[in-house]
Amino acid sequence: MGMSAFMAEYELGELVYLRTDEDQAQRMVFGVEFTLSGATLYRLVCGTIESVHSAGELSRERCVAEA
């Protein structure tokens, strides 16, 4: 099996926000997974809580809801 190059939109250690998080808590990217189906998943940590998300769920900026 040949080697493949994978590109991630977010880097390890980068601080991000979840677009759907009402509190807009800052999270750190601590892992990236590339799946056989071609998906890229990001492992995030916020305090002691770990979660896995796709790039479309993440933002580098706080997502402020418009009133």
PDB file of N, CA and C in Angstrom:
ATOM      1  N   MET A   1       0.846  -1.182   0.000  1.00  0.00           N
ATOM      2  CA  MET A   1       0.000   0.000   0.000  1.00  0.00           C
ATOM      3  C   MET A   1       0.887   1.239   0.000  1.00  0.00           C
ATOM      4  N   GLY A   2       0.627   2.174  -0.895  1.00  0.00           N
ATOM      5  CA  GLY A   2       1.439   3.379  -1.011  1.00  0.00           C
ATOM      6  C   GLY A   2       1.122   4.387   0.077  1.00  0.00           C
ATOM      7  N   MET A   3       2.021   5.342   0.212  1.00  0.00           N
ATOM      8  CA  MET A   3       1.809   6.403   1.193  1.00  0.00           C
ATOM      9  C   MET A   3       0.921   7.481   0.586  1.00  0.00           C
ATOM     10  N   SER A   4       0.086   8.050   1.405  1.00  0.00           N
ATOM     11  CA  SER A   4      -0.792   9.137   0.977  1.00  0.00           C
ATOM     12  C   SER A   4      -0.543  10.354   1.843  1.00  0.00           C
ATOM     13  N   ALA A   5      -0.713  11.517   1.273  1.00  0.00           N
ATOM     14  CA  ALA A   5      -0.602  12.756   2.034  1.00  0.00           C
ATOM     15  C   ALA A   5      -2.001  13.192   2.434  1.00  0.00           C
ATOM     16  N   PHE A   6      -2.157  13.530   3.684  1.00  0.00           N
ATOM     17  CA  PHE A   6      -3.449  13.972   4.193  1.00  0.00           C
ATOM     18  C   PHE A   6      -3.318  15.412   4.660  1.00  0.00           C
ATOM     19  N   MET A   7      -4.332  16.195   4.378  1.00  0.00           N
ATOM     20  CA  MET A   7      -4.340  17.591   4.800  1.00  0.00           C
ATOM     21  C   MET A   7      -5.521  17.812   5.742  1.00  0.00           C
ATOM     22  N   ALA A   8      -5.255  18.451   6.850  1.00  0.00           N
ATOM     23  CA  ALA A   8      -6.296  18.778   7.812  1.00  0.00           C
ATOM     24  C   ALA A   8      -6.512  20.285   7.798  1.00  0.00           C
ATOM     25  N   GLU A   9      -7.761  20.691   7.909  1.00  0.00           N
ATOM     26  CA  GLU A   9      -8.097  22.120   7.914  1.00  0.00           C
ATOM     27  C   GLU A   9      -7.658  22.795   9.213  1.00  0.00           C
ATOM     28  N   TYR A  10      -7.683  22.032  10.308  1.00  0.00           N
ATOM     29  CA  TYR A  10      -7.301  22.551  11.622  1.00  0.00           C
ATOM     30  C   TYR A  10      -6.072  21.806  12.108  1.00  0.00           C
ATOM     31  N   GLU A  11      -5.194  22.488  12.830  1.00  0.00           N
ATOM     32  CA  GLU A  11      -3.945  21.913  13.295  1.00  0.00           C
ATOM     33  C   GLU A  11      -4.048  21.450  14.745  1.00  0.00           C
ATOM     34  N   LEU A  12      -3.200  20.499  15.110  1.00  0.00           N
ATOM     35  CA  LEU A  12      -3.122  20.058  16.497  1.00  0.00           C
ATOM     36  C   LEU A  12      -2.755  21.249  17.371  1.00  0.00           C
ATOM     37  N   GLY A  13      -3.448  21.379  18.499  1.00  0.00           N
ATOM     38  CA  GLY A  13      -3.202  22.480  19.417  1.00  0.00           C
ATOM     39  C   GLY A  13      -3.976  23.744  19.104  1.00  0.00           C
ATOM     40  N   GLU A  14      -4.623  23.797  17.939  1.00  0.00           N
ATOM     41  CA  GLU A  14      -5.395  24.985  17.561  1.00  0.00           C
ATOM     42  C   GLU A  14      -6.645  25.105  18.426  1.00  0.00           C
ATOM     43  N   LEU A  15      -7.003  26.321  18.785  1.00  0.00           N
ATOM     44  CA  LEU A  15      -8.205  26.580  19.576  1.00  0.00           C
ATOM     45  C   LEU A  15      -9.366  26.874  18.635  1.00  0.00           C
ATOM     46  N   VAL A  16     -10.485  26.190  18.859  1.00  0.00           N
ATOM     47  CA  VAL A  16     -11.647  26.306  17.988  1.00  0.00           C
ATOM     48  C   VAL A  16     -12.922  26.387  18.821  1.00  0.00           C
ATOM     49  N   TYR A  17     -14.014  26.661  18.127  1.00  0.00           N
ATOM     50  CA  TYR A  17     -15.346  26.720  18.744  1.00  0.00           C
ATOM     51  C   TYR A  17     -16.283  25.835  17.951  1.00  0.00           C
ATOM     52  N   LEU A  18     -17.279  25.275  18.641  1.00  0.00           N
ATOM     53  CA  LEU A  18     -18.332  24.525  17.961  1.00  0.00           C
ATOM     54  C   LEU A  18     -19.406  25.506  17.526  1.00  0.00           C
ATOM     55  N   ARG A  19     -19.796  25.443  16.284  1.00  0.00           N
ATOM     56  CA  ARG A  19     -20.819  26.357  15.762  1.00  0.00           C
ATOM     57  C   ARG A  19     -22.145  26.234  16.505  1.00  0.00           C
ATOM     58  N   THR A  20     -22.440  25.041  17.029  1.00  0.00           N
ATOM     59  CA  THR A  20     -23.727  24.789  17.673  1.00  0.00           C
ATOM     60  C   THR A  20     -23.703  24.945  19.191  1.00  0.00           C
ATOM     61  N   ASP A  21     -22.562  25.322  19.762  1.00  0.00           N
ATOM     62  CA  ASP A  21     -22.445  25.461  21.212  1.00  0.00           C
ATOM     63  C   ASP A  21     -22.967  26.823  21.647  1.00  0.00           C
ATOM     64  N   GLU A  22     -24.040  26.836  22.415  1.00  0.00           N
ATOM     65  CA  GLU A  22     -24.629  28.095  22.881  1.00  0.00           C
ATOM     66  C   GLU A  22     -23.656  28.889  23.747  1.00  0.00           C
ATOM     67  N   ASP A  23     -22.824  28.194  24.533  1.00  0.00           N
ATOM     68  CA  ASP A  23     -21.872  28.864  25.418  1.00  0.00           C
ATOM     69  C   ASP A  23     -20.597  29.306  24.702  1.00  0.00           C
ATOM     70  N   GLN A  24     -20.360  28.782  23.499  1.00  0.00           N
ATOM     71  CA  GLN A  24     -19.155  29.086  22.722  1.00  0.00           C
ATOM     72  C   GLN A  24     -17.885  28.859  23.537  1.00  0.00           C
ATOM     73  N   ALA A  25     -17.838  27.717  24.206  1.00  0.00           N
ATOM     74  CA  ALA A  25     -16.655  27.341  24.979  1.00  0.00           C
ATOM     75  C   ALA A  25     -15.506  27.024  24.023  1.00  0.00           C
ATOM     76  N   GLN A  26     -14.325  27.492  24.372  1.00  0.00           N
ATOM     77  CA  GLN A  26     -13.143  27.250  23.550  1.00  0.00           C
ATOM     78  C   GLN A  26     -12.691  25.799  23.726  1.00  0.00           C
ATOM     79  N   ARG A  27     -12.329  25.149  22.618  1.00  0.00           N
ATOM     80  CA  ARG A  27     -11.860  23.773  22.632  1.00  0.00           C
ATOM     81  C   ARG A  27     -10.524  23.692  21.909  1.00  0.00           C
ATOM     82  N   MET A  28      -9.724  22.686  22.276  1.00  0.00           N
ATOM     83  CA  MET A  28      -8.433  22.487  21.635  1.00  0.00           C
ATOM     84  C   MET A  28      -8.457  21.230  20.788  1.00  0.00           C
ATOM     85  N   VAL A  29      -7.923  21.322  19.571  1.00  0.00           N
ATOM     86  CA  VAL A  29      -7.785  20.157  18.704  1.00  0.00           C
ATOM     87  C   VAL A  29      -6.612  19.338  19.240  1.00  0.00           C
ATOM     88  N   PHE A  30      -6.884  18.095  19.672  1.00  0.00           N
ATOM     89  CA  PHE A  30      -5.797  17.264  20.168  1.00  0.00           C
ATOM     90  C   PHE A  30      -5.631  15.983  19.370  1.00  0.00           C
ATOM     91  N   GLY A  31      -6.435  15.824  18.333  1.00  0.00           N
ATOM     92  CA  GLY A  31      -6.279  14.670  17.473  1.00  0.00           C
ATOM     93  C   GLY A  31      -7.016  14.863  16.167  1.00  0.00           C
ATOM     94  N   VAL A  32      -6.494  14.235  15.117  1.00  0.00           N
ATOM     95  CA  VAL A  32      -7.127  14.272  13.795  1.00  0.00           C
ATOM     96  C   VAL A  32      -7.165  12.841  13.279  1.00  0.00           C
ATOM     97  N   GLU A  33      -8.327  12.430  12.778  1.00  0.00           N
ATOM     98  CA  GLU A  33      -8.487  11.090  12.219  1.00  0.00           C
ATOM     99  C   GLU A  33      -8.901  11.199  10.757  1.00  0.00           C
ATOM    100  N   PHE A  34      -8.258  10.417   9.920  1.00  0.00           N
ATOM    101  CA  PHE A  34      -8.619  10.329   8.508  1.00  0.00           C
ATOM    102  C   PHE A  34      -9.215   8.946   8.293  1.00  0.00           C
ATOM    103  N   THR A  35     -10.468   8.885   7.844  1.00  0.00           N
ATOM    104  CA  THR A  35     -11.153   7.609   7.705  1.00  0.00           C
ATOM    105  C   THR A  35     -11.003   7.062   6.288  1.00  0.00           C
ATOM    106  N   LEU A  36     -11.261   5.772   6.147  1.00  0.00           N
ATOM    107  CA  LEU A  36     -11.205   5.131   4.842  1.00  0.00           C
ATOM    108  C   LEU A  36     -12.229   5.716   3.876  1.00  0.00           C
ATOM    109  N   SER A  37     -13.324   6.245   4.413  1.00  0.00           N
ATOM    110  CA  SER A  37     -14.366   6.835   3.564  1.00  0.00           C
ATOM    111  C   SER A  37     -13.993   8.238   3.085  1.00  0.00           C
ATOM    112  N   GLY A  38     -12.861   8.766   3.559  1.00  0.00           N
ATOM    113  CA  GLY A  38     -12.418  10.088   3.130  1.00  0.00           C
ATOM    114  C   GLY A  38     -12.765  11.209   4.085  1.00  0.00           C
ATOM    115  N   ALA A  39     -13.421  10.896   5.180  1.00  0.00           N
ATOM    116  CA  ALA A  39     -13.789  11.927   6.154  1.00  0.00           C
ATOM    117  C   ALA A  39     -12.584  12.297   7.018  1.00  0.00           C
ATOM    118  N   THR A  40     -12.575  13.535   7.469  1.00  0.00           N
ATOM    119  CA  THR A  40     -11.585  13.990   8.436  1.00  0.00           C
ATOM    120  C   THR A  40     -12.334  14.353   9.704  1.00  0.00           C
ATOM    121  N   LEU A  41     -11.958  13.731  10.807  1.00  0.00           N
ATOM    122  CA  LEU A  41     -12.601  13.971  12.094  1.00  0.00           C
ATOM    123  C   LEU A  41     -11.605  14.589  13.055  1.00  0.00           C
ATOM    124  N   TYR A  42     -12.094  15.519  13.861  1.00  0.00           N
ATOM    125  CA  TYR A  42     -11.250  16.230  14.809  1.00  0.00           C
ATOM    126  C   TYR A  42     -11.635  15.842  16.227  1.00  0.00           C
ATOM    127  N   ARG A  43     -10.626  15.446  17.008  1.00  0.00           N
ATOM    128  CA  ARG A  43     -10.833  15.141  18.414  1.00  0.00           C
ATOM    129  C   ARG A  43     -10.554  16.422  19.186  1.00  0.00           C
ATOM    130  N   LEU A  44     -11.549  16.869  19.947  1.00  0.00           N
ATOM    131  CA  LEU A  44     -11.453  18.116  20.702  1.00  0.00           C
ATOM    132  C   LEU A  44     -11.502  17.841  22.192  1.00  0.00           C
ATOM    133  N   VAL A  45     -10.916  18.743  22.962  1.00  0.00           N
ATOM    134  CA  VAL A  45     -11.002  18.660  24.416  1.00  0.00           C
ATOM    135  C   VAL A  45     -11.393  20.035  24.946  1.00  0.00           C
ATOM    136  N   CYS A  46     -12.295  20.005  25.930  1.00  0.00           N
ATOM    137  CA  CYS A  46     -12.749  21.215  26.616  1.00  0.00           C
ATOM    138  C   CYS A  46     -12.783  20.850  28.102  1.00  0.00           C
ATOM    139  N   GLY A  47     -11.761  21.241  28.833  1.00  0.00           N
ATOM    140  CA  GLY A  47     -11.644  20.809  30.224  1.00  0.00           C
ATOM    141  C   GLY A  47     -11.374  19.313  30.250  1.00  0.00           C
ATOM    142  N   THR A  48     -12.281  18.555  30.860  1.00  0.00           N
ATOM    143  CA  THR A  48     -12.132  17.096  30.918  1.00  0.00           C
ATOM    144  C   THR A  48     -13.033  16.388  29.917  1.00  0.00           C
ATOM    145  N   ILE A  49     -13.728  17.148  29.078  1.00  0.00           N
ATOM    146  CA  ILE A  49     -14.672  16.567  28.120  1.00  0.00           C
ATOM    147  C   ILE A  49     -14.023  16.457  26.747  1.00  0.00           C
ATOM    148  N   GLU A  50     -14.040  15.245  26.195  1.00  0.00           N
ATOM    149  CA  GLU A  50     -13.529  15.002  24.856  1.00  0.00           C
ATOM    150  C   GLU A  50     -14.698  14.759  23.911  1.00  0.00           C
ATOM    151  N   SER A  51     -14.546  15.194  22.656  1.00  0.00           N
ATOM    152  CA  SER A  51     -15.601  14.973  21.668  1.00  0.00           C
ATOM    153  C   SER A  51     -14.968  14.899  20.284  1.00  0.00           C
ATOM    154  N   VAL A  52     -15.719  14.342  19.329  1.00  0.00           N
ATOM    155  CA  VAL A  52     -15.237  14.179  17.959  1.00  0.00           C
ATOM    156  C   VAL A  52     -16.205  14.898  17.020  1.00  0.00           C
ATOM    157  N   HIS A  53     -15.656  15.677  16.074  1.00  0.00           N
ATOM    158  CA  HIS A  53     -16.483  16.495  15.191  1.00  0.00           C
ATOM    159  C   HIS A  53     -15.879  16.581  13.795  1.00  0.00           C
ATOM    160  N   SER A  54     -16.717  16.897  12.832  1.00  0.00           N
ATOM    161  CA  SER A  54     -16.244  17.152  11.463  1.00  0.00           C
ATOM    162  C   SER A  54     -15.869  18.625  11.350  1.00  0.00           C
ATOM    163  N   ALA A  55     -15.129  18.973  10.308  1.00  0.00           N
ATOM    164  CA  ALA A  55     -14.670  20.350  10.111  1.00  0.00           C
ATOM    165  C   ALA A  55     -15.837  21.328   9.992  1.00  0.00           C
ATOM    166  N   GLY A  56     -16.949  20.900   9.405  1.00  0.00           N
ATOM    167  CA  GLY A  56     -18.099  21.775   9.228  1.00  0.00           C
ATOM    168  C   GLY A  56     -18.734  22.235  10.524  1.00  0.00           C
ATOM    169  N   GLU A  57     -18.440  21.529  11.615  1.00  0.00           N
ATOM    170  CA  GLU A  57     -18.988  21.889  12.921  1.00  0.00           C
ATOM    171  C   GLU A  57     -18.113  22.879  13.672  1.00  0.00           C
ATOM    172  N   LEU A  58     -16.912  23.151  13.135  1.00  0.00           N
ATOM    173  CA  LEU A  58     -15.925  23.954  13.848  1.00  0.00           C
ATOM    174  C   LEU A  58     -15.777  25.345  13.251  1.00  0.00           C
ATOM    175  N   SER A  59     -15.277  26.251  14.087  1.00  0.00           N
ATOM    176  CA  SER A  59     -14.995  27.609  13.646  1.00  0.00           C
ATOM    177  C   SER A  59     -13.785  28.129  14.416  1.00  0.00           C
ATOM    178  N   ARG A  60     -12.971  28.937  13.763  1.00  0.00           N
ATOM    179  CA  ARG A  60     -11.856  29.575  14.449  1.00  0.00           C
ATOM    180  C   ARG A  60     -12.323  30.787  15.250  1.00  0.00           C
ATOM    181  N   GLU A  61     -13.472  31.307  14.910  1.00  0.00           N
ATOM    182  CA  GLU A  61     -14.039  32.485  15.585  1.00  0.00           C
ATOM    183  C   GLU A  61     -15.275  32.088  16.378  1.00  0.00           C
ATOM    184  N   ARG A  62     -15.560  32.834  17.419  1.00  0.00           N
ATOM    185  CA  ARG A  62     -16.802  32.609  18.171  1.00  0.00           C
ATOM    186  C   ARG A  62     -17.973  32.872  17.233  1.00  0.00           C
ATOM    187  N   CYS A  63     -18.983  32.038  17.333  1.00  0.00           N
ATOM    188  CA  CYS A  63     -20.180  32.197  16.505  1.00  0.00           C
ATOM    189  C   CYS A  63     -21.244  32.911  17.334  1.00  0.00           C
ATOM    190  N   VAL A  64     -21.383  34.186  17.114  1.00  0.00           N
ATOM    191  CA  VAL A  64     -22.326  34.995  17.868  1.00  0.00           C
ATOM    192  C   VAL A  64     -23.675  34.959  17.159  1.00  0.00           C
ATOM    193  N   ALA A  65     -24.699  34.532  17.877  1.00  0.00           N
ATOM    194  CA  ALA A  65     -26.045  34.479  17.298  1.00  0.00           C
ATOM    195  C   ALA A  65     -26.578  35.896  17.119  1.00  0.00           C
ATOM    196  N   GLU A  66     -27.202  36.114  15.982  1.00  0.00           N
ATOM    197  CA  GLU A  66     -27.790  37.433  15.721  1.00  0.00           C
ATOM    198  C   GLU A  66     -29.186  37.487  16.293  1.00  0.00           C
ATOM    199  N   ALA A  67     -29.510  38.591  16.972  1.00  0.00           N
ATOM    200  CA  ALA A  67     -30.836  38.750  17.585  1.00  0.00           C
ATOM    201  C   ALA A  67     -31.828  39.314  16.615  1.00  0.00           C
TER     202      ALA A  67
END
